[in-house]
């Protein structure tokens, strides 16, 4: 297999193993839950009644903090999967 075929195969495998990755994160008090995907997608946000009672600024800060943390987690997982595929066969 030539290098171009090998890279195409690896790219396809990376896409397959990362396409359904998500990270679910929850605030310490359980009032906010978010689900994010690699690369910056937000799939879901759940707010409890107590979260809705927060002032706008506090709610926004909590949401952004959770989303950022979720991105860190899911991107680290995606990077590890990509690294594993890209280094297969390297000795």
PDB file of N, CA and C in Angstrom:
ATOM      1  N   UNK A   1       0.857  -1.173   0.000  1.00  0.00           N
ATOM      2  CA  UNK A   1       0.000   0.000   0.000  1.00  0.00           C
ATOM      3  C   UNK A   1       0.903   1.236   0.000  1.00  0.00           C
ATOM      4  N   UNK A   2       0.595   2.179  -0.884  1.00  0.00           N
ATOM      5  CA  UNK A   2       1.419   3.392  -0.920  1.00  0.00           C
ATOM      6  C   UNK A   2       0.994   4.361   0.178  1.00  0.00           C
ATOM      7  N   UNK A   3       1.793   5.379   0.385  1.00  0.00           N
ATOM      8  CA  UNK A   3       1.571   6.324   1.486  1.00  0.00           C
ATOM      9  C   UNK A   3       0.228   7.040   1.371  1.00  0.00           C
ATOM     10  N   UNK A   4      -0.196   7.366   0.151  1.00  0.00           N
ATOM     11  CA  UNK A   4      -1.478   8.051  -0.027  1.00  0.00           C
ATOM     12  C   UNK A   4      -2.643   7.156   0.364  1.00  0.00           C
ATOM     13  N   UNK A   5      -2.585   5.896  -0.021  1.00  0.00           N
ATOM     14  CA  UNK A   5      -3.638   4.960   0.359  1.00  0.00           C
ATOM     15  C   UNK A   5      -3.667   4.763   1.869  1.00  0.00           C
ATOM     16  N   UNK A   6      -2.489   4.648   2.452  1.00  0.00           N
ATOM     17  CA  UNK A   6      -2.400   4.466   3.899  1.00  0.00           C
ATOM     18  C   UNK A   6      -2.986   5.668   4.636  1.00  0.00           C
ATOM     19  N   UNK A   7      -2.675   6.870   4.181  1.00  0.00           N
ATOM     20  CA  UNK A   7      -3.198   8.081   4.834  1.00  0.00           C
ATOM     21  C   UNK A   7      -4.710   8.189   4.663  1.00  0.00           C
ATOM     22  N   UNK A   8      -5.220   7.844   3.474  1.00  0.00           N
ATOM     23  CA  UNK A   8      -6.674   7.864   3.269  1.00  0.00           C
ATOM     24  C   UNK A   8      -7.366   6.874   4.200  1.00  0.00           C
ATOM     25  N   UNK A   9      -6.780   5.678   4.331  1.00  0.00           N
ATOM     26  CA  UNK A   9      -7.352   4.661   5.210  1.00  0.00           C
ATOM     27  C   UNK A   9      -7.342   5.144   6.662  1.00  0.00           C
ATOM     28  N   UNK A  10      -6.238   5.726   7.084  1.00  0.00           N
ATOM     29  CA  UNK A  10      -6.157   6.228   8.460  1.00  0.00           C
ATOM     30  C   UNK A  10      -7.145   7.369   8.685  1.00  0.00           C
ATOM     31  N   UNK A  11      -7.283   8.262   7.722  1.00  0.00           N
ATOM     32  CA  UNK A  11      -8.232   9.374   7.850  1.00  0.00           C
ATOM     33  C   UNK A  11      -9.658   8.843   7.975  1.00  0.00           C
ATOM     34  N   UNK A  12      -9.977   7.829   7.192  1.00  0.00           N
ATOM     35  CA  UNK A  12     -11.316   7.242   7.257  1.00  0.00           C
ATOM     36  C   UNK A  12     -11.545   6.586   8.622  1.00  0.00           C
ATOM     37  N   UNK A  13     -10.545   5.887   9.127  1.00  0.00           N
ATOM     38  CA  UNK A  13     -10.681   5.250  10.445  1.00  0.00           C
ATOM     39  C   UNK A  13     -10.820   6.288  11.550  1.00  0.00           C
ATOM     40  N   UNK A  14     -10.070   7.380  11.431  1.00  0.00           N
ATOM     41  CA  UNK A  14     -10.185   8.452  12.429  1.00  0.00           C
ATOM     42  C   UNK A  14     -11.599   9.020  12.416  1.00  0.00           C
ATOM     43  N   UNK A  15     -12.119   9.278  11.231  1.00  0.00           N
ATOM     44  CA  UNK A  15     -13.485   9.802  11.135  1.00  0.00           C
ATOM     45  C   UNK A  15     -14.482   8.843  11.764  1.00  0.00           C
ATOM     46  N   UNK A  16     -14.316   7.551  11.510  1.00  0.00           N
ATOM     47  CA  UNK A  16     -15.237   6.552  12.056  1.00  0.00           C
ATOM     48  C   UNK A  16     -15.201   6.501  13.581  1.00  0.00           C
ATOM     49  N   UNK A  17     -14.001   6.551  14.164  1.00  0.00           N
ATOM     50  CA  UNK A  17     -13.904   6.405  15.624  1.00  0.00           C
ATOM     51  C   UNK A  17     -14.210   7.697  16.371  1.00  0.00           C
ATOM     52  N   UNK A  18     -14.198   8.829  15.683  1.00  0.00           N
ATOM     53  CA  UNK A  18     -14.460  10.088  16.388  1.00  0.00           C
ATOM     54  C   UNK A  18     -15.838  10.683  16.097  1.00  0.00           C
ATOM     55  N   UNK A  19     -16.534  10.176  15.098  1.00  0.00           N
ATOM     56  CA  UNK A  19     -17.786  10.814  14.683  1.00  0.00           C
ATOM     57  C   UNK A  19     -18.863  10.812  15.759  1.00  0.00           C
ATOM     58  N   UNK A  20     -18.877   9.820  16.624  1.00  0.00           N
ATOM     59  CA  UNK A  20     -19.918   9.736  17.639  1.00  0.00           C
ATOM     60  C   UNK A  20     -19.432  10.088  19.039  1.00  0.00           C
ATOM     61  N   UNK A  21     -18.215  10.627  19.137  1.00  0.00           N
ATOM     62  CA  UNK A  21     -17.699  10.998  20.454  1.00  0.00           C
ATOM     63  C   UNK A  21     -18.481  12.171  21.025  1.00  0.00           C
ATOM     64  N   UNK A  22     -18.797  12.077  22.289  1.00  0.00           N
ATOM     65  CA  UNK A  22     -19.405  13.189  23.016  1.00  0.00           C
ATOM     66  C   UNK A  22     -18.836  13.205  24.429  1.00  0.00           C
ATOM     67  N   UNK A  23     -19.019  14.312  25.079  1.00  0.00           N
ATOM     68  CA  UNK A  23     -18.660  14.434  26.487  1.00  0.00           C
ATOM     69  C   UNK A  23     -19.852  15.036  27.213  1.00  0.00           C
ATOM     70  N   UNK A  24     -20.305  14.359  28.247  1.00  0.00           N
ATOM     71  CA  UNK A  24     -21.385  14.865  29.088  1.00  0.00           C
ATOM     72  C   UNK A  24     -20.777  15.371  30.381  1.00  0.00           C
ATOM     73  N   UNK A  25     -21.039  16.623  30.705  1.00  0.00           N
ATOM     74  CA  UNK A  25     -20.532  17.198  31.949  1.00  0.00           C
ATOM     75  C   UNK A  25     -21.685  17.836  32.706  1.00  0.00           C
ATOM     76  N   UNK A  26     -21.560  17.789  34.033  1.00  0.00           N
ATOM     77  CA  UNK A  26     -22.607  18.274  34.921  1.00  0.00           C
ATOM     78  C   UNK A  26     -21.988  19.184  35.967  1.00  0.00           C
ATOM     79  N   UNK A  27     -22.687  20.254  36.290  1.00  0.00           N
ATOM     80  CA  UNK A  27     -22.207  21.162  37.339  1.00  0.00           C
ATOM     81  C   UNK A  27     -22.171  20.420  38.674  1.00  0.00           C
ATOM     82  N   UNK A  28     -21.388  20.930  39.602  1.00  0.00           N
ATOM     83  CA  UNK A  28     -21.240  20.286  40.912  1.00  0.00           C
ATOM     84  C   UNK A  28     -22.568  20.069  41.616  1.00  0.00           C
ATOM     85  N   UNK A  29     -23.474  21.013  41.467  1.00  0.00           N
ATOM     86  CA  UNK A  29     -24.770  20.881  42.144  1.00  0.00           C
ATOM     87  C   UNK A  29     -25.804  20.150  41.288  1.00  0.00           C
ATOM     88  N   UNK A  30     -25.423  19.744  40.090  1.00  0.00           N
ATOM     89  CA  UNK A  30     -26.325  18.990  39.218  1.00  0.00           C
ATOM     90  C   UNK A  30     -27.361  19.829  38.487  1.00  0.00           C
ATOM     91  N   UNK A  31     -27.278  21.139  38.603  1.00  0.00           N
ATOM     92  CA  UNK A  31     -28.323  21.993  38.028  1.00  0.00           C
ATOM     93  C   UNK A  31     -28.139  22.256  36.534  1.00  0.00           C
ATOM     94  N   UNK A  32     -26.930  22.012  36.008  1.00  0.00           N
ATOM     95  CA  UNK A  32     -26.651  22.262  34.593  1.00  0.00           C
ATOM     96  C   UNK A  32     -25.938  21.039  34.020  1.00  0.00           C
ATOM     97  N   UNK A  33     -26.416  20.574  32.872  1.00  0.00           N
ATOM     98  CA  UNK A  33     -25.773  19.475  32.161  1.00  0.00           C
ATOM     99  C   UNK A  33     -25.583  19.895  30.714  1.00  0.00           C
ATOM    100  N   UNK A  34     -24.425  19.570  30.158  1.00  0.00           N
ATOM    101  CA  UNK A  34     -24.180  19.854  28.746  1.00  0.00           C
ATOM    102  C   UNK A  34     -23.554  18.632  28.081  1.00  0.00           C
ATOM    103  N   UNK A  35     -23.816  18.494  26.785  1.00  0.00           N
ATOM    104  CA  UNK A  35     -23.187  17.454  25.958  1.00  0.00           C
ATOM    105  C   UNK A  35     -22.522  18.163  24.798  1.00  0.00           C
ATOM    106  N   UNK A  36     -21.223  17.882  24.617  1.00  0.00           N
ATOM    107  CA  UNK A  36     -20.455  18.520  23.554  1.00  0.00           C
ATOM    108  C   UNK A  36     -19.772  17.469  22.692  1.00  0.00           C
ATOM    109  N   UNK A  37     -19.363  17.902  21.501  1.00  0.00           N
ATOM    110  CA  UNK A  37     -18.672  17.033  20.557  1.00  0.00           C
ATOM    111  C   UNK A  37     -17.299  17.621  20.245  1.00  0.00           C
ATOM    112  N   UNK A  38     -16.393  16.795  19.691  1.00  0.00           N
ATOM    113  CA  UNK A  38     -15.082  17.336  19.329  1.00  0.00           C
ATOM    114  C   UNK A  38     -15.225  18.486  18.336  1.00  0.00           C
ATOM    115  N   UNK A  39     -14.344  19.433  18.440  1.00  0.00           N
ATOM    116  CA  UNK A  39     -14.330  20.524  17.487  1.00  0.00           C
ATOM    117  C   UNK A  39     -15.285  21.656  17.807  1.00  0.00           C
ATOM    118  N   UNK A  40     -15.988  21.587  18.919  1.00  0.00           N
ATOM    119  CA  UNK A  40     -16.774  22.737  19.328  1.00  0.00           C
ATOM    120  C   UNK A  40     -18.274  22.648  19.230  1.00  0.00           C
ATOM    121  N   UNK A  41     -18.824  21.468  18.983  1.00  0.00           N
ATOM    122  CA  UNK A  41     -20.277  21.360  18.890  1.00  0.00           C
ATOM    123  C   UNK A  41     -20.924  21.174  20.249  1.00  0.00           C
ATOM    124  N   UNK A  42     -22.019  21.884  20.475  1.00  0.00           N
ATOM    125  CA  UNK A  42     -22.829  21.686  21.679  1.00  0.00           C
ATOM    126  C   UNK A  42     -24.098  20.966  21.235  1.00  0.00           C
ATOM    127  N   UNK A  43     -24.276  19.740  21.719  1.00  0.00           N
ATOM    128  CA  UNK A  43     -25.446  18.953  21.315  1.00  0.00           C
ATOM    129  C   UNK A  43     -26.643  19.173  22.203  1.00  0.00           C
ATOM    130  N   UNK A  44     -26.399  19.409  23.490  1.00  0.00           N
ATOM    131  CA  UNK A  44     -27.534  19.487  24.413  1.00  0.00           C
ATOM    132  C   UNK A  44     -27.157  20.314  25.630  1.00  0.00           C
ATOM    133  N   UNK A  45     -28.126  21.034  26.140  1.00  0.00           N
ATOM    134  CA  UNK A  45     -27.997  21.756  27.403  1.00  0.00           C
ATOM    135  C   UNK A  45     -29.262  21.484  28.207  1.00  0.00           C
ATOM    136  N   UNK A  46     -29.086  21.043  29.434  1.00  0.00           N
ATOM    137  CA  UNK A  46     -30.212  20.802  30.337  1.00  0.00           C
ATOM    138  C   UNK A  46     -30.056  21.715  31.546  1.00  0.00           C
ATOM    139  N   UNK A  47     -31.102  22.434  31.850  1.00  0.00           N
ATOM    140  CA  UNK A  47     -31.088  23.345  33.002  1.00  0.00           C
ATOM    141  C   UNK A  47     -32.190  22.950  33.970  1.00  0.00           C
ATOM    142  N   UNK A  48     -31.847  22.807  35.226  1.00  0.00           N
ATOM    143  CA  UNK A  48     -32.847  22.516  36.249  1.00  0.00           C
ATOM    144  C   UNK A  48     -33.518  23.823  36.658  1.00  0.00           C
ATOM    145  N   UNK A  49     -34.632  23.738  37.380  1.00  0.00           N
ATOM    146  CA  UNK A  49     -35.277  24.969  37.867  1.00  0.00           C
ATOM    147  C   UNK A  49     -34.337  25.843  38.693  1.00  0.00           C
ATOM    148  N   UNK A  50     -33.458  25.220  39.464  1.00  0.00           N
ATOM    149  CA  UNK A  50     -32.543  26.049  40.269  1.00  0.00           C
ATOM    150  C   UNK A  50     -31.557  26.805  39.378  1.00  0.00           C
ATOM    151  N   UNK A  51     -31.153  26.215  38.255  1.00  0.00           N
ATOM    152  CA  UNK A  51     -30.273  26.923  37.323  1.00  0.00           C
ATOM    153  C   UNK A  51     -30.993  28.125  36.727  1.00  0.00           C
ATOM    154  N   UNK A  52     -32.263  27.970  36.461  1.00  0.00           N
ATOM    155  CA  UNK A  52     -33.031  29.068  35.878  1.00  0.00           C
ATOM    156  C   UNK A  52     -33.238  30.210  36.864  1.00  0.00           C
ATOM    157  N   UNK A  53     -33.028  29.942  38.142  1.00  0.00           N
ATOM    158  CA  UNK A  53     -33.137  30.994  39.145  1.00  0.00           C
ATOM    159  C   UNK A  53     -31.848  31.800  39.307  1.00  0.00           C
ATOM    160  N   UNK A  54     -30.766  31.360  38.667  1.00  0.00           N
ATOM    161  CA  UNK A  54     -29.505  32.107  38.729  1.00  0.00           C
ATOM    162  C   UNK A  54     -29.651  33.399  37.939  1.00  0.00           C
ATOM    163  N   UNK A  55     -28.844  34.386  38.305  1.00  0.00           N
ATOM    164  CA  UNK A  55     -28.854  35.588  37.470  1.00  0.00           C
ATOM    165  C   UNK A  55     -28.172  35.249  36.144  1.00  0.00           C
ATOM    166  N   UNK A  56     -28.433  36.034  35.134  1.00  0.00           N
ATOM    167  CA  UNK A  56     -27.959  35.745  33.776  1.00  0.00           C
ATOM    168  C   UNK A  56     -26.448  35.602  33.711  1.00  0.00           C
ATOM    169  N   UNK A  57     -25.755  36.466  34.386  1.00  0.00           N
ATOM    170  CA  UNK A  57     -24.300  36.454  34.347  1.00  0.00           C
ATOM    171  C   UNK A  57     -23.742  35.168  34.954  1.00  0.00           C
ATOM    172  N   UNK A  58     -24.256  34.764  36.116  1.00  0.00           N
ATOM    173  CA  UNK A  58     -23.775  33.541  36.775  1.00  0.00           C
ATOM    174  C   UNK A  58     -24.107  32.317  35.927  1.00  0.00           C
ATOM    175  N   UNK A  59     -25.304  32.277  35.381  1.00  0.00           N
ATOM    176  CA  UNK A  59     -25.693  31.150  34.535  1.00  0.00           C
ATOM    177  C   UNK A  59     -24.787  31.070  33.305  1.00  0.00           C
ATOM    178  N   UNK A  60     -24.540  32.201  32.676  1.00  0.00           N
ATOM    179  CA  UNK A  60     -23.669  32.230  31.509  1.00  0.00           C
ATOM    180  C   UNK A  60     -22.263  31.752  31.829  1.00  0.00           C
ATOM    181  N   UNK A  61     -21.725  32.198  32.960  1.00  0.00           N
ATOM    182  CA  UNK A  61     -20.382  31.775  33.369  1.00  0.00           C
ATOM    183  C   UNK A  61     -20.327  30.280  33.619  1.00  0.00           C
ATOM    184  N   UNK A  62     -21.340  29.749  34.315  1.00  0.00           N
ATOM    185  CA  UNK A  62     -21.377  28.311  34.583  1.00  0.00           C
ATOM    186  C   UNK A  62     -21.477  27.517  33.281  1.00  0.00           C
ATOM    187  N   UNK A  63     -22.336  27.956  32.387  1.00  0.00           N
ATOM    188  CA  UNK A  63     -22.495  27.263  31.110  1.00  0.00           C
ATOM    189  C   UNK A  63     -21.182  27.250  30.323  1.00  0.00           C
ATOM    190  N   UNK A  64     -20.563  28.403  30.181  1.00  0.00           N
ATOM    191  CA  UNK A  64     -19.310  28.476  29.429  1.00  0.00           C
ATOM    192  C   UNK A  64     -18.214  27.635  30.062  1.00  0.00           C
ATOM    193  N   UNK A  65     -18.159  27.623  31.373  1.00  0.00           N
ATOM    194  CA  UNK A  65     -17.161  26.828  32.077  1.00  0.00           C
ATOM    195  C   UNK A  65     -17.382  25.332  31.816  1.00  0.00           C
ATOM    196  N   UNK A  66     -18.621  24.886  31.909  1.00  0.00           N
ATOM    197  CA  UNK A  66     -18.916  23.471  31.658  1.00  0.00           C
ATOM    198  C   UNK A  66     -18.656  23.092  30.209  1.00  0.00           C
ATOM    199  N   UNK A  67     -19.044  23.945  29.291  1.00  0.00           N
ATOM    200  CA  UNK A  67     -18.822  23.674  27.871  1.00  0.00           C
ATOM    201  C   UNK A  67     -17.319  23.579  27.591  1.00  0.00           C
ATOM    202  N   UNK A  68     -16.554  24.498  28.134  1.00  0.00           N
ATOM    203  CA  UNK A  68     -15.100  24.478  27.945  1.00  0.00           C
ATOM    204  C   UNK A  68     -14.506  23.180  28.504  1.00  0.00           C
ATOM    205  N   UNK A  69     -14.919  22.804  29.694  1.00  0.00           N
ATOM    206  CA  UNK A  69     -14.419  21.571  30.312  1.00  0.00           C
ATOM    207  C   UNK A  69     -14.807  20.357  29.464  1.00  0.00           C
ATOM    208  N   UNK A  70     -16.030  20.333  28.973  1.00  0.00           N
ATOM    209  CA  UNK A  70     -16.471  19.236  28.112  1.00  0.00           C
ATOM    210  C   UNK A  70     -15.641  19.147  26.849  1.00  0.00           C
ATOM    211  N   UNK A  71     -15.346  20.295  26.235  1.00  0.00           N
ATOM    212  CA  UNK A  71     -14.500  20.312  25.033  1.00  0.00           C
ATOM    213  C   UNK A  71     -13.111  19.758  25.340  1.00  0.00           C
ATOM    214  N   UNK A  72     -12.547  20.143  26.467  1.00  0.00           N
ATOM    215  CA  UNK A  72     -11.232  19.624  26.833  1.00  0.00           C
ATOM    216  C   UNK A  72     -11.253  18.106  26.927  1.00  0.00           C
ATOM    217  N   UNK A  73     -12.288  17.569  27.580  1.00  0.00           N
ATOM    218  CA  UNK A  73     -12.390  16.122  27.744  1.00  0.00           C
ATOM    219  C   UNK A  73     -12.572  15.407  26.412  1.00  0.00           C
ATOM    220  N   UNK A  74     -13.523  15.856  25.608  1.00  0.00           N
ATOM    221  CA  UNK A  74     -13.825  15.151  24.369  1.00  0.00           C
ATOM    222  C   UNK A  74     -12.707  15.323  23.350  1.00  0.00           C
ATOM    223  N   UNK A  75     -12.081  16.479  23.308  1.00  0.00           N
ATOM    224  CA  UNK A  75     -10.962  16.669  22.377  1.00  0.00           C
ATOM    225  C   UNK A  75      -9.751  15.844  22.788  1.00  0.00           C
ATOM    226  N   UNK A  76      -9.521  15.681  24.088  1.00  0.00           N
ATOM    227  CA  UNK A  76      -8.424  14.830  24.546  1.00  0.00           C
ATOM    228  C   UNK A  76      -8.676  13.380  24.137  1.00  0.00           C
ATOM    229  N   UNK A  77      -9.916  12.940  24.270  1.00  0.00           N
ATOM    230  CA  UNK A  77     -10.258  11.575  23.858  1.00  0.00           C
ATOM    231  C   UNK A  77     -10.090  11.405  22.348  1.00  0.00           C
ATOM    232  N   UNK A  78     -10.558  12.375  21.576  1.00  0.00           N
ATOM    233  CA  UNK A  78     -10.424  12.313  20.114  1.00  0.00           C
ATOM    234  C   UNK A  78      -8.949  12.323  19.723  1.00  0.00           C
ATOM    235  N   UNK A  79      -8.150  13.167  20.359  1.00  0.00           N
ATOM    236  CA  UNK A  79      -6.717  13.235  20.055  1.00  0.00           C
ATOM    237  C   UNK A  79      -6.022  11.914  20.354  1.00  0.00           C
ATOM    238  N   UNK A  80      -6.388  11.284  21.454  1.00  0.00           N
ATOM    239  CA  UNK A  80      -5.781   9.999  21.802  1.00  0.00           C
ATOM    240  C   UNK A  80      -6.137   8.933  20.769  1.00  0.00           C
ATOM    241  N   UNK A  81      -7.378   8.902  20.330  1.00  0.00           N
ATOM    242  CA  UNK A  81      -7.786   7.945  19.304  1.00  0.00           C
ATOM    243  C   UNK A  81      -7.042   8.213  17.988  1.00  0.00           C
ATOM    244  N   UNK A  82      -6.920   9.485  17.616  1.00  0.00           N
ATOM    245  CA  UNK A  82      -6.200   9.825  16.383  1.00  0.00           C
ATOM    246  C   UNK A  82      -4.720   9.443  16.496  1.00  0.00           C
ATOM    247  N   UNK A  83      -4.123   9.748  17.632  1.00  0.00           N
ATOM    248  CA  UNK A  83      -2.709   9.426  17.837  1.00  0.00           C
ATOM    249  C   UNK A  83      -2.490   7.920  17.722  1.00  0.00           C
ATOM    250  N   UNK A  84      -3.380   7.151  18.304  1.00  0.00           N
ATOM    251  CA  UNK A  84      -3.267   5.705  18.255  1.00  0.00           C
ATOM    252  C   UNK A  84      -3.315   5.189  16.818  1.00  0.00           C
ATOM    253  N   UNK A  85      -4.229   5.717  16.029  1.00  0.00           N
ATOM    254  CA  UNK A  85      -4.345   5.295  14.636  1.00  0.00           C
ATOM    255  C   UNK A  85      -3.135   5.747  13.823  1.00  0.00           C
ATOM    256  N   UNK A  86      -2.712   6.960  14.021  1.00  0.00           N
ATOM    257  CA  UNK A  86      -1.605   7.497  13.227  1.00  0.00           C
ATOM    258  C   UNK A  86      -0.269   6.832  13.521  1.00  0.00           C
ATOM    259  N   UNK A  87      -0.114   6.305  14.731  1.00  0.00           N
ATOM    260  CA  UNK A  87       1.165   5.686  15.094  1.00  0.00           C
ATOM    261  C   UNK A  87       1.152   4.172  14.959  1.00  0.00           C
ATOM    262  N   UNK A  88       0.041   3.600  14.498  1.00  0.00           N
ATOM    263  CA  UNK A  88       0.011   2.151  14.278  1.00  0.00           C
ATOM    264  C   UNK A  88       1.102   1.765  13.300  1.00  0.00           C
ATOM    265  N   UNK A  89       1.813   0.741  13.642  1.00  0.00           N
ATOM    266  CA  UNK A  89       2.865   0.273  12.749  1.00  0.00           C
ATOM    267  C   UNK A  89       4.200   0.970  12.939  1.00  0.00           C
ATOM    268  N   UNK A  90       4.229   2.066  13.695  1.00  0.00           N
ATOM    269  CA  UNK A  90       5.500   2.740  13.980  1.00  0.00           C
ATOM    270  C   UNK A  90       6.233   1.953  15.068  1.00  0.00           C
ATOM    271  N   UNK A  91       7.464   1.773  14.890  1.00  0.00           N
ATOM    272  CA  UNK A  91       8.262   1.025  15.881  1.00  0.00           C
ATOM    273  C   UNK A  91       9.349   1.904  16.410  1.00  0.00           C
TER     274      UNK A  91
END
